[in-house]
Protein backbone atom coordinates (compact mmCIF):
# COMPACT_ATOMS: atom_id res chain seq x y z
CA MET A 1 -5.70 -22.74 -12.68
CA GLY A 2 -8.57 -23.55 -15.04
CA ARG A 3 -10.88 -21.06 -16.64
CA ALA A 4 -13.38 -19.66 -14.17
CA PRO A 5 -17.12 -20.02 -14.80
CA LYS A 6 -19.01 -17.14 -16.33
CA ALA A 7 -21.01 -14.73 -14.24
CA ALA A 8 -24.69 -15.42 -13.65
CA VAL A 9 -25.46 -12.78 -16.29
CA ASP A 10 -22.72 -11.90 -18.78
CA ILE A 11 -21.25 -8.54 -17.84
CA GLY A 12 -19.33 -8.05 -21.04
CA GLU A 13 -16.58 -9.54 -23.17
CA MET A 14 -14.03 -7.11 -21.70
CA VAL A 15 -14.32 -8.57 -18.21
CA ALA A 16 -11.46 -10.88 -17.25
CA ARG A 17 -12.41 -14.12 -15.55
CA ASP A 18 -9.00 -15.15 -14.32
CA PHE A 19 -5.69 -13.58 -13.36
CA ILE A 20 -2.97 -12.79 -15.88
CA PHE A 21 -0.46 -15.63 -15.74
CA SER A 22 3.07 -14.83 -16.90
CA LYS A 23 5.90 -17.15 -17.87
CA ALA A 24 8.42 -14.32 -17.64
CA ASP A 25 10.58 -13.50 -14.63
CA GLU A 26 9.51 -10.57 -12.50
CA PRO A 27 11.04 -7.49 -14.16
CA HIS A 28 12.86 -5.75 -11.33
CA ALA A 29 15.85 -7.99 -10.64
CA THR A 30 16.84 -7.99 -14.30
CA ARG A 31 16.42 -4.24 -14.67
CA ARG A 32 18.36 -3.61 -11.47
CA GLN A 33 21.34 -5.51 -12.89
CA GLU A 34 21.14 -3.60 -16.16
CA ILE A 35 20.92 -0.24 -14.41
CA LEU A 36 23.84 -0.96 -12.10
CA LYS A 37 25.93 -2.03 -15.08
CA ALA A 38 25.13 1.22 -16.89
CA HIS A 39 25.09 3.48 -13.80
CA PRO A 40 27.18 2.02 -10.96
CA GLU A 41 27.07 5.43 -9.25
CA ILE A 42 23.51 4.61 -8.14
CA LYS A 43 25.04 2.50 -5.37
CA GLN A 44 25.95 5.77 -3.65
CA LEU A 45 22.22 6.39 -3.05
CA MET A 46 21.77 3.23 -0.99
CA GLY A 47 21.18 3.69 2.71
CA HIS A 48 18.78 5.15 5.23
CA GLU A 49 17.23 8.64 5.41
CA TRP A 50 17.86 10.34 8.77
CA ARG A 51 14.96 12.79 8.35
CA THR A 52 12.31 10.06 8.36
CA LYS A 53 12.09 9.82 12.15
CA TYR A 54 11.50 13.56 12.49
CA ILE A 55 8.75 13.53 9.87
CA VAL A 56 7.15 10.60 11.69
CA LEU A 57 7.28 12.46 15.02
CA ALA A 58 5.77 15.58 13.43
CA THR A 59 2.95 13.57 11.83
CA VAL A 60 2.16 11.73 15.07
CA ALA A 61 2.14 15.07 16.91
CA LEU A 62 -0.20 16.55 14.28
CA GLN A 63 -2.63 13.64 14.60
CA THR A 64 -2.57 13.77 18.39
CA PHE A 65 -3.24 17.51 18.30
CA MET A 66 -6.11 17.04 15.83
CA ALA A 67 -7.69 14.30 17.96
CA TRP A 68 -7.76 16.77 20.87
CA LEU A 69 -8.74 19.81 18.80
CA THR A 70 -11.78 18.18 17.20
CA LEU A 71 -13.32 16.85 20.43
CA ASP A 72 -16.12 19.40 20.51
CA TRP A 73 -16.54 19.97 16.78
CA ARG A 74 -19.85 19.46 15.00
CA TRP A 75 -20.01 16.12 13.21
CA SER A 76 -19.82 17.67 9.75
CA TYR A 77 -16.62 19.55 10.58
CA TYR A 78 -15.28 16.58 12.55
CA LEU A 79 -15.69 14.19 9.61
CA ALA A 80 -14.28 16.73 7.16
CA ALA A 81 -11.18 17.13 9.35
CA ILE A 82 -10.82 13.35 9.53
CA TYR A 83 -11.00 12.95 5.75
CA VAL A 84 -8.82 15.90 4.77
CA VAL A 85 -6.23 15.91 7.57
CA GLY A 86 -6.55 12.65 9.49
CA ALA A 87 -6.75 10.23 6.58
CA THR A 88 -3.93 11.99 4.72
CA ALA A 89 -1.71 11.95 7.80
CA ASN A 90 -2.42 8.32 8.63
CA HIS A 91 -1.78 7.26 5.06
CA SER A 92 1.54 9.05 5.29
CA LEU A 93 2.24 7.00 8.42
CA PHE A 94 1.30 3.80 6.55
CA LEU A 95 4.05 4.63 4.10
CA ALA A 96 6.49 5.64 6.80
CA ILE A 97 6.02 2.13 8.21
CA HIS A 98 6.58 0.81 4.68
CA GLU A 99 9.91 2.68 4.53
CA LEU A 100 10.88 1.45 7.97
CA SER A 101 10.09 -2.15 7.03
CA HIS A 102 12.97 -1.81 4.55
CA ASN A 103 15.23 -0.51 7.36
CA LEU A 104 15.50 2.84 5.59
CA GLY A 105 14.81 5.14 8.55
CA ALA A 106 17.74 4.35 10.83
CA LYS A 107 20.99 2.42 10.98
CA THR A 108 19.81 -0.78 12.67
CA PRO A 109 16.74 -3.03 12.27
CA GLY A 110 15.84 -2.51 15.94
CA GLN A 111 15.89 1.27 15.59
CA ASN A 112 13.65 1.03 12.53
CA LYS A 113 11.17 -1.15 14.43
CA LEU A 114 11.03 1.32 17.33
CA ILE A 115 10.36 4.26 15.00
CA ALA A 116 7.70 2.18 13.23
CA MET A 117 5.95 1.57 16.56
CA VAL A 118 5.76 5.34 17.10
CA ALA A 119 4.41 5.79 13.56
CA ASN A 120 1.84 3.11 14.37
CA PHE A 121 0.29 5.07 17.30
CA PRO A 122 -2.33 7.18 15.41
CA ILE A 123 -3.30 4.14 13.32
CA CYS A 124 -4.74 2.75 16.57
CA ILE A 125 -4.21 -0.95 15.72
CA ALA A 126 -0.76 -2.54 16.05
CA TYR A 127 0.45 -3.82 12.69
CA CYS A 128 3.93 -2.53 11.90
CA ILE A 129 5.78 -5.66 13.06
CA THR A 130 3.35 -8.01 11.32
CA PHE A 131 3.53 -6.02 8.08
CA LYS A 132 7.25 -6.51 7.45
CA PRO A 133 7.56 -10.25 6.61
CA TYR A 134 4.59 -10.14 4.25
CA HIS A 135 5.93 -7.07 2.49
CA MET A 136 9.39 -8.59 2.10
CA GLU A 137 7.75 -11.60 0.44
CA HIS A 138 5.95 -9.24 -1.93
CA HIS A 139 9.34 -7.90 -3.04
CA ARG A 140 11.13 -11.25 -3.21
CA CYS A 141 8.26 -13.11 -4.86
CA GLN A 142 6.30 -10.49 -6.81
CA GLY A 143 3.30 -12.12 -8.40
CA GLN A 144 4.11 -15.59 -7.10
CA ASP A 145 0.90 -17.56 -6.84
CA GLY A 146 0.12 -18.33 -3.21
CA ILE A 147 3.05 -16.31 -1.86
CA ASP A 148 2.51 -12.65 -2.77
CA THR A 149 -0.36 -11.59 -0.51
CA ASP A 150 -0.57 -8.19 -2.20
CA ILE A 151 -2.63 -9.92 -4.90
CA PRO A 152 -6.38 -10.34 -4.25
CA THR A 153 -7.51 -13.88 -3.59
CA PHE A 154 -9.64 -15.72 -6.13
CA LEU A 155 -12.55 -15.52 -3.67
CA GLU A 156 -12.31 -11.71 -3.59
CA ALA A 157 -12.25 -11.57 -7.38
CA LYS A 158 -15.15 -13.99 -7.64
CA LEU A 159 -17.34 -12.00 -5.25
CA ILE A 160 -16.56 -8.71 -7.01
CA THR A 161 -16.50 -9.79 -10.65
CA LEU A 162 -17.67 -13.33 -11.42
CA THR A 163 -20.99 -13.05 -9.59
CA ALA A 164 -21.81 -9.54 -10.82
CA PHE A 165 -25.04 -9.40 -12.85
CA ASN A 166 -24.31 -6.45 -15.13
CA TYR A 167 -22.06 -3.45 -15.64
CA VAL A 168 -23.73 -1.33 -12.94
CA ASP A 169 -23.54 -4.17 -10.41
CA HIS A 170 -19.88 -4.71 -11.28
CA CYS A 171 -19.11 -1.00 -10.78
CA LEU A 172 -20.94 -0.91 -7.45
CA ARG A 173 -19.09 -3.98 -6.19
CA LYS A 174 -15.74 -2.48 -7.16
CA ALA A 175 -16.69 0.80 -5.50
CA LEU A 176 -17.68 -1.07 -2.33
CA PHE A 177 -14.37 -2.92 -2.40
CA MET A 178 -12.49 0.38 -2.72
CA PHE A 179 -14.51 1.87 0.14
CA CYS A 180 -13.63 -1.06 2.42
CA GLN A 181 -10.28 -2.10 0.92
CA ILE A 182 -8.39 -1.35 4.14
CA PHE A 183 -9.91 -4.53 5.58
CA ALA A 184 -8.76 -6.67 2.65
CA TYR A 185 -5.30 -5.12 2.73
CA ALA A 186 -4.97 -5.66 6.47
CA LEU A 187 -6.59 -9.09 6.86
CA ARG A 188 -5.69 -10.92 3.64
CA PRO A 189 -2.04 -11.68 4.57
CA CYS A 190 -2.81 -13.03 8.03
CA LEU A 191 -5.80 -15.08 6.85
CA THR A 192 -4.11 -16.62 3.82
CA LYS A 193 -0.65 -17.17 5.34
CA PRO A 194 -1.06 -17.21 9.14
CA GLU A 195 2.20 -19.12 9.53
CA MET A 196 4.11 -15.93 8.64
CA VAL A 197 2.82 -13.89 11.60
CA PRO A 198 6.07 -13.00 13.45
CA TYR A 199 5.15 -14.07 16.97
CA GLY A 200 7.72 -13.02 19.53
CA GLY A 201 9.03 -10.13 21.57
CA TRP A 202 8.78 -7.47 18.90
CA LEU A 203 5.13 -8.29 18.16
CA ALA A 204 4.34 -8.20 21.88
CA ALA A 205 6.13 -4.85 22.18
CA ASN A 206 4.16 -3.48 19.24
CA TRP A 207 0.84 -4.45 20.81
CA GLY A 208 1.91 -3.38 24.29
CA ALA A 209 3.01 0.07 23.17
CA GLN A 210 -0.08 0.51 20.99
CA LEU A 211 -2.54 -0.48 23.71
CA ALA A 212 -0.79 1.83 26.17
CA PHE A 213 -1.13 4.72 23.71
CA ASP A 214 -4.79 3.91 23.02
CA PHE A 215 -5.56 3.66 26.73
CA ALA A 216 -3.83 6.98 27.46
CA VAL A 217 -5.81 8.74 24.71
CA ALA A 218 -9.12 7.26 25.90
CA TYR A 219 -8.32 8.11 29.53
CA LEU A 220 -7.32 11.71 28.80
CA TRP A 221 -9.83 12.66 26.12
CA GLY A 222 -12.45 9.94 25.90
CA PRO A 223 -13.59 7.58 23.13
CA GLN A 224 -14.15 10.35 20.54
CA ALA A 225 -10.41 10.91 20.33
CA LEU A 226 -9.89 7.22 19.62
CA LEU A 227 -12.67 7.40 17.06
CA TYR A 228 -10.76 10.20 15.31
CA PHE A 229 -7.76 7.88 14.91
CA LEU A 230 -9.83 4.87 13.84
CA LEU A 231 -11.83 6.79 11.23
CA SER A 232 -8.62 8.39 9.97
CA THR A 233 -7.21 4.90 9.45
CA PHE A 234 -10.38 3.69 7.72
CA PHE A 235 -10.59 6.61 5.29
CA ALA A 236 -6.84 6.49 4.67
CA GLY A 237 -7.40 3.10 3.05
CA SER A 238 -10.77 3.89 1.49
CA LEU A 239 -11.95 6.23 -1.27
CA HIS A 240 -9.15 8.72 -0.65
CA PRO A 241 -6.72 10.14 -3.24
CA THR A 242 -3.65 8.73 -1.48
CA ALA A 243 -5.21 5.25 -1.43
CA GLY A 244 -5.05 5.23 -5.21
CA HIS A 245 -1.50 3.97 -4.97
CA PHE A 246 -2.82 0.56 -3.83
CA LEU A 247 -4.25 0.18 -7.35
CA ALA A 248 -1.73 2.22 -9.30
CA GLU A 249 1.32 0.23 -8.26
CA HIS A 250 0.59 -3.23 -9.70
CA TYR A 251 -2.84 -3.44 -11.35
CA VAL A 252 -2.34 -4.06 -15.05
CA MET A 253 -3.64 -0.99 -16.83
CA GLU A 254 -1.63 -1.17 -20.07
CA GLY A 255 -0.67 -4.33 -21.92
CA SER A 256 1.10 -6.68 -19.52
CA THR A 257 3.00 -4.08 -17.49
CA GLU A 258 2.80 -5.09 -13.82
CA THR A 259 4.45 -2.17 -12.00
CA TYR A 260 3.76 1.52 -12.58
CA SER A 261 5.28 4.71 -11.25
CA TYR A 262 3.41 7.90 -10.43
CA TYR A 263 5.38 11.15 -10.48
CA GLY A 264 2.69 13.57 -9.27
CA PRO A 265 2.43 15.92 -6.28
CA LEU A 266 0.98 13.39 -3.82
CA ASN A 267 4.44 11.87 -3.53
CA ALA A 268 5.28 14.78 -1.23
CA LEU A 269 2.83 13.36 1.33
CA THR A 270 3.62 9.67 0.84
CA TYR A 271 7.39 9.18 1.04
CA ASN A 272 7.68 9.06 -2.77
CA VAL A 273 5.90 5.71 -2.92
CA GLY A 274 4.75 6.72 -6.39
CA PHE A 275 8.30 6.06 -7.62
CA HIS A 276 7.32 2.43 -7.50
CA ASN A 277 9.38 0.97 -10.33
CA GLU A 278 12.38 2.70 -8.83
CA HIS A 279 11.50 1.36 -5.38
CA HIS A 280 11.14 -2.25 -6.56
CA ASP A 281 14.33 -2.01 -8.58
CA PHE A 282 16.22 -0.64 -5.58
CA PRO A 283 14.36 -1.42 -2.33
CA ASN A 284 17.47 -0.43 -0.33
CA ILE A 285 17.30 3.20 -1.49
CA ALA A 286 15.32 5.53 0.76
CA TRP A 287 12.34 7.59 -0.36
CA SER A 288 14.30 10.85 -0.59
CA SER A 289 16.68 9.41 -3.20
CA LEU A 290 14.20 7.59 -5.44
CA PRO A 291 13.76 10.61 -7.75
CA LYS A 292 17.54 10.62 -8.19
CA VAL A 293 17.38 7.05 -9.47
CA ARG A 294 15.14 8.16 -12.30
CA ASP A 295 17.31 11.22 -12.93
CA MET A 296 20.45 9.07 -13.15
CA ALA A 297 18.90 6.39 -15.37
CA PRO A 298 16.14 8.10 -17.37
CA GLU A 299 16.54 5.72 -20.30
CA PHE A 300 15.23 2.88 -18.10
CA TYR A 301 12.17 4.73 -16.73
CA ASN A 302 10.90 7.51 -18.96
CA ASP A 303 9.41 5.17 -21.56
CA LEU A 304 7.69 2.85 -19.11
CA PRO A 305 3.88 3.17 -18.76
CA GLN A 306 3.05 5.58 -15.93
CA CYS A 307 0.11 6.39 -13.71
CA LYS A 308 -0.81 10.03 -14.18
CA SER A 309 -3.32 10.34 -11.31
CA TRP A 310 -4.12 8.26 -8.24
CA THR A 311 -7.66 9.67 -8.17
CA GLY A 312 -7.98 8.87 -11.85
CA VAL A 313 -6.91 5.26 -11.34
CA ILE A 314 -9.55 4.82 -8.61
CA LEU A 315 -12.23 6.09 -10.98
CA ARG A 316 -10.97 3.92 -13.82
CA TYR A 317 -10.94 0.86 -11.58
CA MET A 318 -14.55 1.47 -10.60
CA PHE A 319 -15.98 2.33 -14.03
CA ASP A 320 -13.79 0.51 -16.56
CA ASP A 321 -15.28 -2.96 -17.06
CA SER A 322 -11.93 -4.34 -18.22
CA ILE A 323 -10.25 -3.59 -14.86
CA SER A 324 -11.06 -5.82 -11.89
CA PRO A 325 -9.34 -7.76 -9.09
CA PHE A 326 -8.24 -10.16 -11.84
CA SER A 327 -6.06 -7.39 -13.32
CA ARG A 328 -2.94 -8.66 -11.58
CA VAL A 329 -0.01 -10.68 -12.90
CA LYS A 330 0.67 -14.06 -11.33
CA ARG A 331 3.57 -16.39 -11.99
CA ASP A 332 4.64 -19.86 -10.91
CA LYS A 333 7.09 -20.21 -8.06
CA LYS A 334 10.03 -20.96 -10.35
CA ARG A 335 9.42 -17.72 -12.28
CA ALA A 336 9.21 -15.43 -9.24
């Protein structure tokens, strides 16, 4: 890809105008081999986590209860409950679905899909079946140009960065992107690679079960209960502390490092997704055992660059002119 044109008004020498292209292999397959050679006992951690389904059921029950409880609340309290409880719970369900896409919540793929459909209920829009093939491609082809849909498109980067007029405009555009990033995260895969949508019985079951749940909620409690779920989903992927992991995982913040782990307290609400280097190195190890990977092989993880705060990375993304949608590593197909 050639060098992109400059912005209409230069917004600073620190602003990248193209993605970071790497000639190196993605780092996780190589590190996985090295770790298994040094610590073969890590294989004992591989397998599903039986507690996941019960946590999912409890979270769905909490969200259903909150949708009913807040029906008559004043708007200020209603929105506060959505942001504090609803968005946190729905983001937890996002990451439960992420775990289940790796078949780490039950013994069989079918059982994982069924649990994922239950986790999908408070999110209000069926997506758990569609999510899986795109996410598997992200793991198999991390950074591969035109394949890894986790990376922003050039159009997104152009609208946010290349057409910004100055530093303030650039910050505002990045803040707007963060506020609405759930739409990019949800729509980008299907719009850029529609051929990967897994049409079939499981997708129909996902939509059928979801619409039945939505209809039951609307019939029993009215549209405000559905609004609780929808706004919870929106804020879960917006300017919310847990949404910081979307940036923290793969945006290049130091040198050329393309995957970062976060070891802070929000992991307790998000199925340890912060242990992201560990997860990419061993995607067949469930969330509950990812800290054990680091404990068993500290020499491979403790010196890697880390994300100290998901809230901090959101603020840095918005206000650091050197960080933008272009701050992602891409590689050619043969290097992925």
